[in-house]
Amino acid sequence: DINSDVSVKQALAREESFFRSHPAYNGLAKHCGIPQLAKKLNQILVQHIRTILPGLKARISSQLTAIAKEHAFYGDPVESKAGQGAKLLNILAKYCDAFSSMVEGKNEDISTIELSGGARIHYIFQSIFVKSLEVCNFVAESSVMLHRSIHHIHYH
């Protein structure tokens, strides 16, 4: 119909005539066709929206609450450059304090399941790093290279 330049109105009339006149669709003609399909799809969409909307509202509300808490954490907006610098310095100081607490094992959210903070760093250096160095024979190679470097520095 598109290639034949048939108008939408004419195409809908042809479709309706086809469903009414065809013996297989004669009893179902009032349920067939593009207008009925559009109506049914619209009903399905509306029902889906009604089903999803309460959960979506709840998610949006919880996200807005979380963002409001984060916004409150940073304080009110500061317009001056000096005020912005002071605020950034304050945020960085809080970050440093939180990081230091974590490394020292004083973090409030410390895990009891796995090592964290300074204990994790100690484990990595003492268990993993040392073992990997022992596998590689860097000590003998390093001492020769160190000796050559010292010799090169003093005599050249």
N, C-alpha and C. Protein backbone atom coordinates (compact mmCIF):
# COMPACT_ATOMS: atom_id res chain seq x y z
N ASP A 1 0.81 -1.20 0.00
CA ASP A 1 0.00 0.00 0.00
C ASP A 1 0.85 1.27 0.00
N ILE A 2 2.01 1.22 0.68
CA ILE A 2 2.89 2.39 0.72
C ILE A 2 3.45 2.64 -0.68
N ASN A 3 3.89 1.57 -1.36
CA ASN A 3 4.45 1.71 -2.70
C ASN A 3 3.39 2.13 -3.72
N SER A 4 2.15 1.85 -3.44
CA SER A 4 1.05 2.19 -4.37
C SER A 4 0.44 3.54 -4.06
N ASP A 5 1.02 4.29 -3.13
CA ASP A 5 0.52 5.60 -2.72
C ASP A 5 -0.94 5.55 -2.24
N VAL A 6 -1.27 4.50 -1.50
CA VAL A 6 -2.61 4.38 -0.92
C VAL A 6 -2.59 5.15 0.40
N SER A 7 -3.62 5.95 0.65
CA SER A 7 -3.67 6.73 1.89
C SER A 7 -3.91 5.79 3.07
N VAL A 8 -3.58 6.29 4.27
CA VAL A 8 -3.77 5.50 5.48
C VAL A 8 -5.25 5.18 5.67
N LYS A 9 -6.09 6.14 5.40
CA LYS A 9 -7.55 5.93 5.56
C LYS A 9 -8.03 4.82 4.63
N GLN A 10 -7.56 4.83 3.37
CA GLN A 10 -7.95 3.79 2.41
C GLN A 10 -7.38 2.43 2.84
N ALA A 11 -6.15 2.40 3.33
CA ALA A 11 -5.52 1.14 3.75
C ALA A 11 -6.27 0.54 4.93
N LEU A 12 -6.70 1.39 5.87
CA LEU A 12 -7.47 0.89 7.02
C LEU A 12 -8.82 0.35 6.58
N ALA A 13 -9.44 1.02 5.61
CA ALA A 13 -10.73 0.54 5.09
C ALA A 13 -10.55 -0.80 4.39
N ARG A 14 -9.49 -0.95 3.60
CA ARG A 14 -9.21 -2.23 2.93
C ARG A 14 -8.97 -3.34 3.95
N GLU A 15 -8.20 -3.02 4.99
CA GLU A 15 -7.91 -4.01 6.02
C GLU A 15 -9.20 -4.48 6.70
N GLU A 16 -10.05 -3.53 7.05
CA GLU A 16 -11.33 -3.87 7.70
C GLU A 16 -12.19 -4.72 6.78
N SER A 17 -12.23 -4.35 5.50
CA SER A 17 -13.01 -5.12 4.53
C SER A 17 -12.45 -6.54 4.39
N PHE A 18 -11.14 -6.69 4.40
CA PHE A 18 -10.52 -8.01 4.30
C PHE A 18 -10.92 -8.90 5.48
N PHE A 19 -10.83 -8.38 6.68
CA PHE A 19 -11.15 -9.18 7.86
C PHE A 19 -12.64 -9.54 7.92
N ARG A 20 -13.51 -8.64 7.45
CA ARG A 20 -14.96 -8.93 7.47
C ARG A 20 -15.34 -9.95 6.40
N SER A 21 -14.67 -9.90 5.26
CA SER A 21 -15.06 -10.77 4.15
C SER A 21 -14.35 -12.12 4.15
N HIS A 22 -13.21 -12.24 4.81
CA HIS A 22 -12.47 -13.51 4.82
C HIS A 22 -13.15 -14.49 5.79
N PRO A 23 -13.41 -15.71 5.34
CA PRO A 23 -14.14 -16.67 6.19
C PRO A 23 -13.39 -17.01 7.49
N ALA A 24 -12.06 -17.04 7.47
CA ALA A 24 -11.30 -17.39 8.67
C ALA A 24 -11.39 -16.30 9.75
N TYR A 25 -11.59 -15.05 9.34
CA TYR A 25 -11.60 -13.94 10.29
C TYR A 25 -12.98 -13.34 10.49
N ASN A 26 -13.99 -13.86 9.84
CA ASN A 26 -15.31 -13.26 9.85
C ASN A 26 -15.82 -13.04 11.28
N GLY A 27 -15.71 -14.02 12.15
CA GLY A 27 -16.19 -13.87 13.52
C GLY A 27 -15.28 -13.03 14.40
N LEU A 28 -14.05 -12.84 13.98
CA LEU A 28 -13.07 -12.09 14.77
C LEU A 28 -12.79 -10.70 14.20
N ALA A 29 -13.50 -10.29 13.20
CA ALA A 29 -13.19 -9.05 12.49
C ALA A 29 -13.15 -7.83 13.41
N LYS A 30 -14.02 -7.81 14.43
CA LYS A 30 -14.03 -6.65 15.33
C LYS A 30 -12.79 -6.61 16.24
N HIS A 31 -12.02 -7.73 16.30
CA HIS A 31 -10.81 -7.78 17.12
C HIS A 31 -9.54 -7.70 16.29
N CYS A 32 -9.66 -7.60 14.98
CA CYS A 32 -8.50 -7.61 14.10
C CYS A 32 -8.28 -6.23 13.47
N GLY A 33 -7.03 -5.97 13.14
CA GLY A 33 -6.69 -4.73 12.44
C GLY A 33 -5.80 -3.83 13.26
N ILE A 34 -5.27 -2.83 12.58
CA ILE A 34 -4.32 -1.90 13.19
C ILE A 34 -4.95 -1.10 14.33
N PRO A 35 -6.18 -0.57 14.18
CA PRO A 35 -6.75 0.20 15.30
C PRO A 35 -6.93 -0.66 16.57
N GLN A 36 -7.35 -1.92 16.40
CA GLN A 36 -7.52 -2.80 17.55
C GLN A 36 -6.15 -3.16 18.15
N LEU A 37 -5.16 -3.38 17.30
CA LEU A 37 -3.81 -3.67 17.77
C LEU A 37 -3.26 -2.49 18.56
N ALA A 38 -3.45 -1.28 18.04
CA ALA A 38 -2.98 -0.08 18.73
C ALA A 38 -3.67 0.07 20.09
N LYS A 39 -4.97 -0.22 20.13
CA LYS A 39 -5.72 -0.13 21.39
C LYS A 39 -5.20 -1.15 22.39
N LYS A 40 -4.99 -2.40 21.94
CA LYS A 40 -4.51 -3.46 22.82
C LYS A 40 -3.08 -3.15 23.33
N LEU A 41 -2.21 -2.70 22.44
CA LEU A 41 -0.85 -2.34 22.84
C LEU A 41 -0.85 -1.19 23.84
N ASN A 42 -1.74 -0.25 23.64
CA ASN A 42 -1.87 0.88 24.56
C ASN A 42 -2.32 0.39 25.94
N GLN A 43 -3.27 -0.55 25.97
CA GLN A 43 -3.73 -1.11 27.25
C GLN A 43 -2.58 -1.85 27.96
N ILE A 44 -1.80 -2.63 27.20
CA ILE A 44 -0.67 -3.35 27.78
C ILE A 44 0.36 -2.37 28.34
N LEU A 45 0.64 -1.31 27.60
CA LEU A 45 1.60 -0.30 28.04
C LEU A 45 1.12 0.40 29.31
N VAL A 46 -0.14 0.78 29.35
CA VAL A 46 -0.69 1.45 30.53
C VAL A 46 -0.61 0.52 31.75
N GLN A 47 -0.96 -0.76 31.55
CA GLN A 47 -0.89 -1.71 32.66
C GLN A 47 0.55 -1.89 33.14
N HIS A 48 1.48 -1.96 32.21
CA HIS A 48 2.90 -2.09 32.57
C HIS A 48 3.36 -0.86 33.36
N ILE A 49 2.97 0.31 32.92
CA ILE A 49 3.34 1.54 33.63
C ILE A 49 2.76 1.53 35.04
N ARG A 50 1.50 1.12 35.17
CA ARG A 50 0.88 1.06 36.50
C ARG A 50 1.58 0.06 37.41
N THR A 51 2.08 -1.02 36.84
CA THR A 51 2.79 -2.03 37.62
C THR A 51 4.16 -1.53 38.06
N ILE A 52 4.86 -0.88 37.16
CA ILE A 52 6.24 -0.46 37.40
C ILE A 52 6.33 0.85 38.19
N LEU A 53 5.36 1.72 38.05
CA LEU A 53 5.43 3.07 38.61
C LEU A 53 5.67 3.12 40.12
N PRO A 54 5.00 2.34 40.95
CA PRO A 54 5.26 2.45 42.39
C PRO A 54 6.72 2.11 42.75
N GLY A 55 7.27 1.06 42.17
CA GLY A 55 8.67 0.72 42.43
C GLY A 55 9.61 1.78 41.92
N LEU A 56 9.29 2.34 40.77
CA LEU A 56 10.12 3.41 40.19
C LEU A 56 10.09 4.64 41.09
N LYS A 57 8.90 4.98 41.59
CA LYS A 57 8.79 6.11 42.51
C LYS A 57 9.63 5.88 43.76
N ALA A 58 9.57 4.66 44.29
CA ALA A 58 10.34 4.34 45.49
C ALA A 58 11.84 4.44 45.23
N ARG A 59 12.30 3.92 44.08
CA ARG A 59 13.72 4.00 43.74
C ARG A 59 14.17 5.45 43.59
N ILE A 60 13.37 6.25 42.91
CA ILE A 60 13.71 7.66 42.72
C ILE A 60 13.75 8.37 44.07
N SER A 61 12.79 8.08 44.92
CA SER A 61 12.74 8.71 46.24
C SER A 61 13.97 8.34 47.07
N SER A 62 14.36 7.06 47.06
CA SER A 62 15.54 6.66 47.84
C SER A 62 16.81 7.27 47.26
N GLN A 63 16.90 7.36 45.94
CA GLN A 63 18.07 7.99 45.32
C GLN A 63 18.12 9.48 45.63
N LEU A 64 16.96 10.14 45.63
CA LEU A 64 16.92 11.56 45.99
C LEU A 64 17.35 11.78 47.43
N THR A 65 16.93 10.87 48.32
CA THR A 65 17.34 10.96 49.71
C THR A 65 18.85 10.80 49.85
N ALA A 66 19.40 9.82 49.13
CA ALA A 66 20.85 9.59 49.18
C ALA A 66 21.61 10.79 48.64
N ILE A 67 21.13 11.36 47.55
CA ILE A 67 21.79 12.53 46.96
C ILE A 67 21.67 13.73 47.90
N ALA A 68 20.52 13.88 48.55
CA ALA A 68 20.35 14.99 49.49
C ALA A 68 21.31 14.84 50.66
N LYS A 69 21.51 13.61 51.15
CA LYS A 69 22.47 13.38 52.23
C LYS A 69 23.89 13.71 51.78
N GLU A 70 24.24 13.28 50.57
CA GLU A 70 25.57 13.58 50.04
C GLU A 70 25.75 15.09 49.86
N HIS A 71 24.71 15.74 49.36
CA HIS A 71 24.77 17.19 49.16
C HIS A 71 24.95 17.89 50.51
N ALA A 72 24.24 17.43 51.54
CA ALA A 72 24.37 18.01 52.87
C ALA A 72 25.77 17.79 53.43
N PHE A 73 26.37 16.64 53.09
CA PHE A 73 27.72 16.34 53.55
C PHE A 73 28.70 17.38 53.03
N TYR A 74 28.52 17.82 51.78
CA TYR A 74 29.43 18.79 51.19
C TYR A 74 29.12 20.22 51.64
N GLY A 75 27.97 20.46 52.19
CA GLY A 75 27.61 21.79 52.68
C GLY A 75 27.00 22.64 51.58
N ASP A 76 26.75 23.88 51.94
CA ASP A 76 26.14 24.82 51.00
C ASP A 76 27.13 25.22 49.92
N PRO A 77 26.62 25.56 48.73
CA PRO A 77 27.52 26.00 47.66
C PRO A 77 28.27 27.28 48.05
N VAL A 78 29.50 27.35 47.61
CA VAL A 78 30.34 28.52 47.90
C VAL A 78 30.67 29.19 46.58
N GLU A 79 30.46 30.49 46.53
CA GLU A 79 30.67 31.23 45.29
C GLU A 79 32.11 31.73 45.13
N SER A 80 32.74 32.15 46.22
CA SER A 80 34.07 32.75 46.10
C SER A 80 35.13 31.68 45.88
N LYS A 81 36.20 32.04 45.20
CA LYS A 81 37.31 31.12 44.94
C LYS A 81 37.96 30.69 46.26
N ALA A 82 38.11 31.62 47.19
CA ALA A 82 38.72 31.29 48.47
C ALA A 82 37.84 30.30 49.24
N GLY A 83 36.54 30.53 49.20
CA GLY A 83 35.61 29.63 49.87
C GLY A 83 35.60 28.24 49.24
N GLN A 84 35.70 28.19 47.91
CA GLN A 84 35.76 26.90 47.22
C GLN A 84 37.04 26.16 47.58
N GLY A 85 38.15 26.89 47.66
CA GLY A 85 39.41 26.28 48.05
C GLY A 85 39.35 25.73 49.47
N ALA A 86 38.75 26.48 50.37
CA ALA A 86 38.62 26.04 51.76
C ALA A 86 37.74 24.80 51.84
N LYS A 87 36.65 24.79 51.07
CA LYS A 87 35.76 23.63 51.07
C LYS A 87 36.48 22.40 50.52
N LEU A 88 37.23 22.58 49.44
CA LEU A 88 37.99 21.46 48.87
C LEU A 88 39.02 20.95 49.87
N LEU A 89 39.69 21.85 50.54
CA LEU A 89 40.67 21.47 51.55
C LEU A 89 39.99 20.68 52.67
N ASN A 90 38.81 21.10 53.08
CA ASN A 90 38.06 20.41 54.12
C ASN A 90 37.68 19.00 53.66
N ILE A 91 37.23 18.86 52.42
CA ILE A 91 36.87 17.55 51.88
C ILE A 91 38.10 16.64 51.82
N LEU A 92 39.21 17.17 51.37
CA LEU A 92 40.45 16.39 51.30
C LEU A 92 40.93 15.97 52.69
N ALA A 93 40.77 16.86 53.67
CA ALA A 93 41.16 16.52 55.05
C ALA A 93 40.29 15.38 55.58
N LYS A 94 38.98 15.42 55.29
CA LYS A 94 38.09 14.34 55.72
C LYS A 94 38.48 13.03 55.03
N TYR A 95 38.84 13.12 53.76
CA TYR A 95 39.26 11.92 53.03
C TYR A 95 40.53 11.34 53.65
N CYS A 96 41.50 12.22 53.95
CA CYS A 96 42.76 11.76 54.57
C CYS A 96 42.49 11.11 55.92
N ASP A 97 41.60 11.70 56.71
CA ASP A 97 41.27 11.11 58.02
C ASP A 97 40.64 9.73 57.84
N ALA A 98 39.72 9.62 56.89
CA ALA A 98 39.06 8.33 56.64
C ALA A 98 40.07 7.30 56.15
N PHE A 99 40.97 7.71 55.27
CA PHE A 99 41.98 6.79 54.75
C PHE A 99 42.92 6.35 55.87
N SER A 100 43.36 7.29 56.69
CA SER A 100 44.24 6.95 57.81
C SER A 100 43.55 6.00 58.78
N SER A 101 42.29 6.24 59.06
CA SER A 101 41.53 5.35 59.94
C SER A 101 41.47 3.95 59.37
N MET A 102 41.26 3.85 58.06
CA MET A 102 41.18 2.55 57.42
C MET A 102 42.52 1.82 57.51
N VAL A 103 43.61 2.53 57.22
CA VAL A 103 44.93 1.90 57.26
C VAL A 103 45.29 1.48 58.69
N GLU A 104 44.90 2.28 59.66
CA GLU A 104 45.21 1.97 61.05
C GLU A 104 44.26 0.94 61.64
N GLY A 105 43.24 0.54 60.88
CA GLY A 105 42.29 -0.46 61.36
C GLY A 105 41.21 0.12 62.26
N LYS A 106 41.00 1.40 62.18
CA LYS A 106 39.99 2.05 63.02
C LYS A 106 38.72 2.41 62.25
N ASN A 107 38.60 1.86 61.06
CA ASN A 107 37.46 2.17 60.20
C ASN A 107 36.18 1.60 60.81
N GLU A 108 35.08 2.35 60.74
CA GLU A 108 33.80 1.91 61.28
C GLU A 108 33.24 0.72 60.49
N ASP A 109 33.51 0.67 59.20
CA ASP A 109 32.96 -0.38 58.34
C ASP A 109 33.96 -1.51 58.14
N ILE A 110 34.75 -1.80 59.15
CA ILE A 110 35.80 -2.81 59.01
C ILE A 110 35.16 -4.19 58.83
N SER A 111 35.73 -4.96 57.94
CA SER A 111 35.21 -6.29 57.64
C SER A 111 35.78 -7.30 58.61
N THR A 112 34.94 -8.24 59.03
CA THR A 112 35.41 -9.32 59.88
C THR A 112 35.66 -10.58 59.07
N ILE A 113 35.39 -10.51 57.78
CA ILE A 113 35.54 -11.67 56.90
C ILE A 113 36.92 -11.69 56.25
N GLU A 114 37.45 -10.52 55.92
CA GLU A 114 38.73 -10.46 55.23
C GLU A 114 39.61 -9.37 55.85
N LEU A 115 40.90 -9.45 55.55
CA LEU A 115 41.83 -8.45 56.04
C LEU A 115 41.58 -7.13 55.34
N SER A 116 41.76 -6.03 56.08
CA SER A 116 41.60 -4.72 55.47
C SER A 116 42.56 -3.75 56.13
N GLY A 117 42.72 -2.61 55.50
CA GLY A 117 43.57 -1.56 56.04
C GLY A 117 45.02 -1.97 56.14
N GLY A 118 45.64 -1.60 57.26
CA GLY A 118 47.05 -1.89 57.48
C GLY A 118 47.33 -3.38 57.51
N ALA A 119 46.39 -4.18 58.03
CA ALA A 119 46.58 -5.63 58.07
C ALA A 119 46.67 -6.20 56.66
N ARG A 120 45.88 -5.69 55.76
CA ARG A 120 45.90 -6.15 54.37
C ARG A 120 47.22 -5.73 53.71
N ILE A 121 47.66 -4.52 53.94
CA ILE A 121 48.92 -4.04 53.36
C ILE A 121 50.08 -4.89 53.89
N HIS A 122 50.08 -5.16 55.21
CA HIS A 122 51.13 -5.99 55.80
C HIS A 122 51.13 -7.38 55.18
N TYR A 123 49.95 -7.96 55.02
CA TYR A 123 49.84 -9.30 54.42
C TYR A 123 50.39 -9.30 52.99
N ILE A 124 50.03 -8.29 52.21
CA ILE A 124 50.49 -8.23 50.81
C ILE A 124 52.01 -8.15 50.76
N PHE A 125 52.60 -7.27 51.57
CA PHE A 125 54.05 -7.12 51.51
C PHE A 125 54.79 -8.32 52.10
N GLN A 126 54.31 -8.86 53.21
CA GLN A 126 55.03 -9.94 53.87
C GLN A 126 54.79 -11.30 53.22
N SER A 127 53.61 -11.54 52.70
CA SER A 127 53.32 -12.87 52.16
C SER A 127 53.44 -12.93 50.65
N ILE A 128 52.79 -12.04 49.97
CA ILE A 128 52.74 -12.12 48.51
C ILE A 128 54.00 -11.53 47.89
N PHE A 129 54.36 -10.32 48.28
CA PHE A 129 55.47 -9.62 47.65
C PHE A 129 56.81 -10.33 47.93
N VAL A 130 57.03 -10.71 49.18
CA VAL A 130 58.30 -11.35 49.55
C VAL A 130 58.45 -12.68 48.81
N LYS A 131 57.37 -13.47 48.75
CA LYS A 131 57.43 -14.76 48.04
C LYS A 131 57.72 -14.57 46.56
N SER A 132 57.14 -13.55 45.97
CA SER A 132 57.39 -13.32 44.54
C SER A 132 58.83 -12.86 44.31
N LEU A 133 59.41 -12.14 45.26
CA LEU A 133 60.81 -11.74 45.13
C LEU A 133 61.74 -12.94 45.31
N GLU A 134 61.36 -13.86 46.19
CA GLU A 134 62.18 -15.04 46.42
C GLU A 134 62.24 -15.93 45.19
N VAL A 135 61.15 -15.97 44.43
CA VAL A 135 61.11 -16.78 43.21
C VAL A 135 62.09 -16.22 42.19
N CYS A 136 62.13 -14.91 42.07
CA CYS A 136 63.06 -14.27 41.14
C CYS A 136 64.40 -14.11 41.87
N ASN A 137 65.48 -14.35 41.21
CA ASN A 137 66.80 -14.25 41.83
C ASN A 137 67.35 -12.84 41.61
N PHE A 138 66.64 -11.85 42.18
CA PHE A 138 67.05 -10.47 42.00
C PHE A 138 68.24 -10.10 42.88
N VAL A 139 68.40 -10.77 43.99
CA VAL A 139 69.41 -10.38 44.95
C VAL A 139 70.80 -10.46 44.34
N ALA A 140 71.12 -11.59 43.71
CA ALA A 140 72.45 -11.76 43.11
C ALA A 140 72.63 -10.79 41.96
N GLU A 141 71.64 -10.66 41.12
CA GLU A 141 71.75 -9.74 39.98
C GLU A 141 71.82 -8.29 40.46
N SER A 142 71.04 -7.96 41.49
CA SER A 142 71.00 -6.58 41.99
C SER A 142 72.32 -6.19 42.62
N SER A 143 72.95 -7.12 43.35
CA SER A 143 74.21 -6.76 44.01
C SER A 143 75.29 -6.49 42.98
N VAL A 144 75.32 -7.23 41.88
CA VAL A 144 76.30 -6.99 40.82
C VAL A 144 76.02 -5.64 40.17
N MET A 145 74.75 -5.37 39.89
CA MET A 145 74.38 -4.10 39.27
C MET A 145 74.68 -2.93 40.21
N LEU A 146 74.40 -3.11 41.52
CA LEU A 146 74.67 -2.08 42.50
C LEU A 146 76.18 -1.81 42.58
N HIS A 147 76.97 -2.84 42.61
CA HIS A 147 78.42 -2.70 42.67
C HIS A 147 78.94 -1.93 41.45
N ARG A 148 78.43 -2.30 40.26
CA ARG A 148 78.85 -1.60 39.03
C ARG A 148 78.44 -0.13 39.06
N SER A 149 77.23 0.14 39.55
CA SER A 149 76.75 1.54 39.60
C SER A 149 77.59 2.37 40.53
N ILE A 150 77.92 1.83 41.72
CA ILE A 150 78.76 2.56 42.67
C ILE A 150 80.15 2.81 42.08
N HIS A 151 80.69 1.79 41.45
CA HIS A 151 82.00 1.92 40.83
C HIS A 151 81.96 2.99 39.73
N HIS A 152 80.91 2.98 38.94
CA HIS A 152 80.77 3.96 37.84
C HIS A 152 80.65 5.39 38.38
N ILE A 153 79.93 5.55 39.47
CA ILE A 153 79.73 6.89 40.06
C ILE A 153 81.06 7.43 40.60
N HIS A 154 81.81 6.59 41.30
CA HIS A 154 83.05 7.07 41.93
C HIS A 154 84.20 7.28 40.96
N TYR A 155 84.27 6.52 39.92
CA TYR A 155 85.44 6.57 39.05
C TYR A 155 85.19 7.24 37.70
N HIS A 156 84.05 7.78 37.48
CA HIS A 156 83.79 8.45 36.18
C HIS A 156 83.30 9.84 36.35
